[in-house]
Amino acid sequence: MAAPTLICWGEQDVALVPEMAERSRQLCADGRLERFPEASHWVHVEESDRVTAALRAHLP
């Protein structure tokens, strides 16, 4: 059984470039990609309210 996976991706990340986001999602059997246009690698810090909302919507 595949676990539902939420990927939160900062589009200003210089280490994990935005082009990698969709390819990463495709590696998940049940994946969803949430993009954060203004965030960098530290998306959970820079967009904490939005990441929290995405996680709350994702988790049962």
PDB file of N, CA and C in Angstrom:
ATOM      1  N   MET A   1       0.827  -1.179   0.000  1.00  0.00           N
ATOM      2  CA  MET A   1       0.000   0.000   0.000  1.00  0.00           C
ATOM      3  C   MET A   1       0.876   1.249   0.000  1.00  0.00           C
ATOM      4  N   ALA A   2       0.559   2.189  -0.865  1.00  0.00           N
ATOM      5  CA  ALA A   2       1.333   3.425  -0.968  1.00  0.00           C
ATOM      6  C   ALA A   2       0.805   4.472   0.010  1.00  0.00           C
ATOM      7  N   ALA A   3       1.712   5.120   0.672  1.00  0.00           N
ATOM      8  CA  ALA A   3       1.329   6.190   1.596  1.00  0.00           C
ATOM      9  C   ALA A   3       1.107   7.477   0.815  1.00  0.00           C
ATOM     10  N   PRO A   4       0.027   8.197   1.086  1.00  0.00           N
ATOM     11  CA  PRO A   4      -0.164   9.503   0.462  1.00  0.00           C
ATOM     12  C   PRO A   4       0.984  10.423   0.873  1.00  0.00           C
ATOM     13  N   THR A   5       1.565  11.098  -0.096  1.00  0.00           N
ATOM     14  CA  THR A   5       2.752  11.912   0.148  1.00  0.00           C
ATOM     15  C   THR A   5       2.506  13.343  -0.276  1.00  0.00           C
ATOM     16  N   LEU A   6       2.810  14.281   0.612  1.00  0.00           N
ATOM     17  CA  LEU A   6       2.726  15.704   0.309  1.00  0.00           C
ATOM     18  C   LEU A   6       4.142  16.234   0.177  1.00  0.00           C
ATOM     19  N   ILE A   7       4.429  16.861  -0.948  1.00  0.00           N
ATOM     20  CA  ILE A   7       5.730  17.487  -1.177  1.00  0.00           C
ATOM     21  C   ILE A   7       5.520  18.993  -1.161  1.00  0.00           C
ATOM     22  N   CYS A   8       6.181  19.688  -0.248  1.00  0.00           N
ATOM     23  CA  CYS A   8       6.140  21.146  -0.179  1.00  0.00           C
ATOM     24  C   CYS A   8       7.446  21.665  -0.762  1.00  0.00           C
ATOM     25  N   TRP A   9       7.350  22.442  -1.832  1.00  0.00           N
ATOM     26  CA  TRP A   9       8.536  22.824  -2.595  1.00  0.00           C
ATOM     27  C   TRP A   9       8.661  24.328  -2.702  1.00  0.00           C
ATOM     28  N   GLY A  10       9.775  24.862  -2.229  1.00  0.00           N
ATOM     29  CA  GLY A  10      10.078  26.284  -2.383  1.00  0.00           C
ATOM     30  C   GLY A  10      10.701  26.525  -3.746  1.00  0.00           C
ATOM     31  N   GLU A  11      10.079  27.345  -4.543  1.00  0.00           N
ATOM     32  CA  GLU A  11      10.560  27.559  -5.913  1.00  0.00           C
ATOM     33  C   GLU A  11      11.812  28.429  -6.000  1.00  0.00           C
ATOM     34  N   GLN A  12      12.220  29.034  -4.889  1.00  0.00           N
ATOM     35  CA  GLN A  12      13.460  29.820  -4.873  1.00  0.00           C
ATOM     36  C   GLN A  12      14.636  29.006  -4.312  1.00  0.00           C
ATOM     37  N   ASP A  13      14.438  27.714  -4.150  1.00  0.00           N
ATOM     38  CA  ASP A  13      15.478  26.817  -3.625  1.00  0.00           C
ATOM     39  C   ASP A  13      16.603  26.703  -4.649  1.00  0.00           C
ATOM     40  N   VAL A  14      17.831  26.986  -4.236  1.00  0.00           N
ATOM     41  CA  VAL A  14      18.967  26.879  -5.153  1.00  0.00           C
ATOM     42  C   VAL A  14      19.616  25.499  -5.093  1.00  0.00           C
ATOM     43  N   ALA A  15      19.299  24.721  -4.066  1.00  0.00           N
ATOM     44  CA  ALA A  15      19.854  23.367  -3.949  1.00  0.00           C
ATOM     45  C   ALA A  15      18.962  22.355  -4.673  1.00  0.00           C
ATOM     46  N   LEU A  16      17.664  22.450  -4.440  1.00  0.00           N
ATOM     47  CA  LEU A  16      16.693  21.557  -5.076  1.00  0.00           C
ATOM     48  C   LEU A  16      15.884  22.417  -6.046  1.00  0.00           C
ATOM     49  N   VAL A  17      16.379  22.541  -7.239  1.00  0.00           N
ATOM     50  CA  VAL A  17      15.813  23.473  -8.216  1.00  0.00           C
ATOM     51  C   VAL A  17      14.374  23.088  -8.579  1.00  0.00           C
ATOM     52  N   PRO A  18      13.549  24.070  -8.933  1.00  0.00           N
ATOM     53  CA  PRO A  18      12.130  23.821  -9.207  1.00  0.00           C
ATOM     54  C   PRO A  18      11.867  22.727 -10.248  1.00  0.00           C
ATOM     55  N   GLU A  19      12.766  22.551 -11.185  1.00  0.00           N
ATOM     56  CA  GLU A  19      12.584  21.529 -12.210  1.00  0.00           C
ATOM     57  C   GLU A  19      12.531  20.121 -11.622  1.00  0.00           C
ATOM     58  N   MET A  20      13.072  19.946 -10.431  1.00  0.00           N
ATOM     59  CA  MET A  20      13.080  18.632  -9.785  1.00  0.00           C
ATOM     60  C   MET A  20      11.756  18.303  -9.101  1.00  0.00           C
ATOM     61  N   ALA A  21      10.900  19.285  -8.888  1.00  0.00           N
ATOM     62  CA  ALA A  21       9.685  19.094  -8.093  1.00  0.00           C
ATOM     63  C   ALA A  21       8.751  18.057  -8.710  1.00  0.00           C
ATOM     64  N   GLU A  22       8.403  18.233  -9.960  1.00  0.00           N
ATOM     65  CA  GLU A  22       7.468  17.304 -10.594  1.00  0.00           C
ATOM     66  C   GLU A  22       8.073  15.912 -10.729  1.00  0.00           C
ATOM     67  N   ARG A  23       9.356  15.837 -11.049  1.00  0.00           N
ATOM     68  CA  ARG A  23      10.009  14.525 -11.130  1.00  0.00           C
ATOM     69  C   ARG A  23       9.959  13.817  -9.783  1.00  0.00           C
ATOM     70  N   SER A  24      10.110  14.552  -8.694  1.00  0.00           N
ATOM     71  CA  SER A  24      10.036  13.963  -7.357  1.00  0.00           C
ATOM     72  C   SER A  24       8.630  13.446  -7.083  1.00  0.00           C
ATOM     73  N   ARG A  25       7.620  14.224  -7.461  1.00  0.00           N
ATOM     74  CA  ARG A  25       6.240  13.793  -7.251  1.00  0.00           C
ATOM     75  C   ARG A  25       5.944  12.515  -8.022  1.00  0.00           C
ATOM     76  N   GLN A  26       6.495  12.404  -9.211  1.00  0.00           N
ATOM     77  CA  GLN A  26       6.255  11.221 -10.030  1.00  0.00           C
ATOM     78  C   GLN A  26       6.840   9.953  -9.418  1.00  0.00           C
ATOM     79  N   LEU A  27       7.777  10.087  -8.522  1.00  0.00           N
ATOM     80  CA  LEU A  27       8.354   8.931  -7.833  1.00  0.00           C
ATOM     81  C   LEU A  27       7.448   8.402  -6.725  1.00  0.00           C
ATOM     82  N   CYS A  28       6.414   9.143  -6.408  1.00  0.00           N
ATOM     83  CA  CYS A  28       5.467   8.745  -5.363  1.00  0.00           C
ATOM     84  C   CYS A  28       4.257   8.081  -6.002  1.00  0.00           C
ATOM     85  N   ALA A  29       3.833   6.979  -5.439  1.00  0.00           N
ATOM     86  CA  ALA A  29       2.655   6.288  -5.963  1.00  0.00           C
ATOM     87  C   ALA A  29       1.395   7.124  -5.760  1.00  0.00           C
ATOM     88  N   ASP A  30       1.358   7.883  -4.670  1.00  0.00           N
ATOM     89  CA  ASP A  30       0.199   8.720  -4.350  1.00  0.00           C
ATOM     90  C   ASP A  30       0.717  10.058  -3.850  1.00  0.00           C
ATOM     91  N   GLY A  31       1.256  10.860  -4.760  1.00  0.00           N
ATOM     92  CA  GLY A  31       1.899  12.106  -4.353  1.00  0.00           C
ATOM     93  C   GLY A  31       1.152  13.344  -4.794  1.00  0.00           C
ATOM     94  N   ARG A  32       1.292  14.378  -3.985  1.00  0.00           N
ATOM     95  CA  ARG A  32       0.733  15.692  -4.305  1.00  0.00           C
ATOM     96  C   ARG A  32       1.826  16.725  -4.077  1.00  0.00           C
ATOM     97  N   LEU A  33       1.945  17.653  -4.997  1.00  0.00           N
ATOM     98  CA  LEU A  33       2.983  18.681  -4.944  1.00  0.00           C
ATOM     99  C   LEU A  33       2.344  20.023  -4.627  1.00  0.00           C
ATOM    100  N   GLU A  34       2.844  20.676  -3.595  1.00  0.00           N
ATOM    101  CA  GLU A  34       2.413  22.020  -3.229  1.00  0.00           C
ATOM    102  C   GLU A  34       3.616  22.933  -3.421  1.00  0.00           C
ATOM    103  N   ARG A  35       3.481  23.883  -4.335  1.00  0.00           N
ATOM    104  CA  ARG A  35       4.591  24.811  -4.640  1.00  0.00           C
ATOM    105  C   ARG A  35       4.430  26.118  -3.863  1.00  0.00           C
ATOM    106  N   PHE A  36       5.562  26.663  -3.452  1.00  0.00           N
ATOM    107  CA  PHE A  36       5.599  27.930  -2.728  1.00  0.00           C
ATOM    108  C   PHE A  36       6.540  28.867  -3.494  1.00  0.00           C
ATOM    109  N   PRO A  37       5.977  29.732  -4.325  1.00  0.00           N
ATOM    110  CA  PRO A  37       6.781  30.548  -5.244  1.00  0.00           C
ATOM    111  C   PRO A  37       7.817  31.452  -4.583  1.00  0.00           C
ATOM    112  N   GLU A  38       7.547  31.953  -3.393  1.00  0.00           N
ATOM    113  CA  GLU A  38       8.465  32.895  -2.748  1.00  0.00           C
ATOM    114  C   GLU A  38       9.441  32.235  -1.783  1.00  0.00           C
ATOM    115  N   ALA A  39       9.310  30.946  -1.532  1.00  0.00           N
ATOM    116  CA  ALA A  39      10.126  30.267  -0.516  1.00  0.00           C
ATOM    117  C   ALA A  39      11.369  29.624  -1.123  1.00  0.00           C
ATOM    118  N   SER A  40      12.369  29.463  -0.276  1.00  0.00           N
ATOM    119  CA  SER A  40      13.611  28.798  -0.676  1.00  0.00           C
ATOM    120  C   SER A  40      13.622  27.371  -0.117  1.00  0.00           C
ATOM    121  N   HIS A  41      14.807  26.871   0.171  1.00  0.00           N
ATOM    122  CA  HIS A  41      14.977  25.528   0.716  1.00  0.00           C
ATOM    123  C   HIS A  41      14.296  25.391   2.080  1.00  0.00           C
ATOM    124  N   TRP A  42      14.123  26.497   2.764  1.00  0.00           N
ATOM    125  CA  TRP A  42      13.573  26.497   4.120  1.00  0.00           C
ATOM    126  C   TRP A  42      12.084  26.846   4.085  1.00  0.00           C
ATOM    127  N   VAL A  43      11.365  26.213   3.190  1.00  0.00           N
ATOM    128  CA  VAL A  43       9.944  26.496   2.982  1.00  0.00           C
ATOM    129  C   VAL A  43       9.146  26.373   4.271  1.00  0.00           C
ATOM    130  N   HIS A  44       9.475  25.429   5.104  1.00  0.00           N
ATOM    131  CA  HIS A  44       8.732  25.225   6.359  1.00  0.00           C
ATOM    132  C   HIS A  44       8.934  26.367   7.349  1.00  0.00           C
ATOM    133  N   VAL A  45      10.014  27.115   7.204  1.00  0.00           N
ATOM    134  CA  VAL A  45      10.279  28.264   8.068  1.00  0.00           C
ATOM    135  C   VAL A  45       9.704  29.536   7.431  1.00  0.00           C
ATOM    136  N   GLU A  46       9.962  29.713   6.158  1.00  0.00           N
ATOM    137  CA  GLU A  46       9.570  30.938   5.455  1.00  0.00           C
ATOM    138  C   GLU A  46       8.062  31.037   5.199  1.00  0.00           C
ATOM    139  N   GLU A  47       7.413  29.913   5.057  1.00  0.00           N
ATOM    140  CA  GLU A  47       5.972  29.879   4.782  1.00  0.00           C
ATOM    141  C   GLU A  47       5.267  28.968   5.795  1.00  0.00           C
ATOM    142  N   SER A  48       5.626  29.119   7.060  1.00  0.00           N
ATOM    143  CA  SER A  48       5.152  28.170   8.078  1.00  0.00           C
ATOM    144  C   SER A  48       3.627  28.079   8.146  1.00  0.00           C
ATOM    145  N   ASP A  49       2.928  29.184   8.034  1.00  0.00           N
ATOM    146  CA  ASP A  49       1.463  29.122   8.098  1.00  0.00           C
ATOM    147  C   ASP A  49       0.884  28.359   6.917  1.00  0.00           C
ATOM    148  N   ARG A  50       1.397  28.615   5.743  1.00  0.00           N
ATOM    149  CA  ARG A  50       0.883  27.930   4.553  1.00  0.00           C
ATOM    150  C   ARG A  50       1.269  26.459   4.546  1.00  0.00           C
ATOM    151  N   VAL A  51       2.483  26.133   4.996  1.00  0.00           N
ATOM    152  CA  VAL A  51       2.900  24.726   5.072  1.00  0.00           C
ATOM    153  C   VAL A  51       2.034  23.998   6.101  1.00  0.00           C
ATOM    154  N   THR A  52       1.780  24.633   7.237  1.00  0.00           N
ATOM    155  CA  THR A  52       0.920  24.024   8.251  1.00  0.00           C
ATOM    156  C   THR A  52      -0.473  23.770   7.692  1.00  0.00           C
ATOM    157  N   ALA A  53      -1.024  24.722   6.971  1.00  0.00           N
ATOM    158  CA  ALA A  53      -2.352  24.548   6.376  1.00  0.00           C
ATOM    159  C   ALA A  53      -2.350  23.395   5.372  1.00  0.00           C
ATOM    160  N   ALA A  54      -1.297  23.307   4.568  1.00  0.00           N
ATOM    161  CA  ALA A  54      -1.204  22.206   3.597  1.00  0.00           C
ATOM    162  C   ALA A  54      -1.115  20.860   4.297  1.00  0.00           C
ATOM    163  N   LEU A  55      -0.335  20.797   5.370  1.00  0.00           N
ATOM    164  CA  LEU A  55      -0.211  19.550   6.134  1.00  0.00           C
ATOM    165  C   LEU A  55      -1.529  19.170   6.804  1.00  0.00           C
ATOM    166  N   ARG A  56      -2.217  20.142   7.361  1.00  0.00           N
ATOM    167  CA  ARG A  56      -3.500  19.863   8.027  1.00  0.00           C
ATOM    168  C   ARG A  56      -4.537  19.365   7.017  1.00  0.00           C
ATOM    169  N   ALA A  57      -4.499  19.916   5.814  1.00  0.00           N
ATOM    170  CA  ALA A  57      -5.427  19.468   4.770  1.00  0.00           C
ATOM    171  C   ALA A  57      -5.060  18.079   4.274  1.00  0.00           C
ATOM    172  N   HIS A  58      -3.786  17.760   4.300  1.00  0.00           N
ATOM    173  CA  HIS A  58      -3.287  16.482   3.795  1.00  0.00           C
ATOM    174  C   HIS A  58      -3.495  15.330   4.781  1.00  0.00           C
ATOM    175  N   LEU A  59      -3.312  15.616   6.054  1.00  0.00           N
ATOM    176  CA  LEU A  59      -3.392  14.553   7.068  1.00  0.00           C
ATOM    177  C   LEU A  59      -4.834  14.242   7.434  1.00  0.00           C
ATOM    178  N   PRO A  60      -5.116  12.969   7.722  1.00  0.00           N
ATOM    179  CA  PRO A  60      -6.497  12.603   8.086  1.00  0.00           C
ATOM    180  C   PRO A  60      -6.926  13.196   9.422  1.00  0.00           C
TER     181      PRO A  60
END
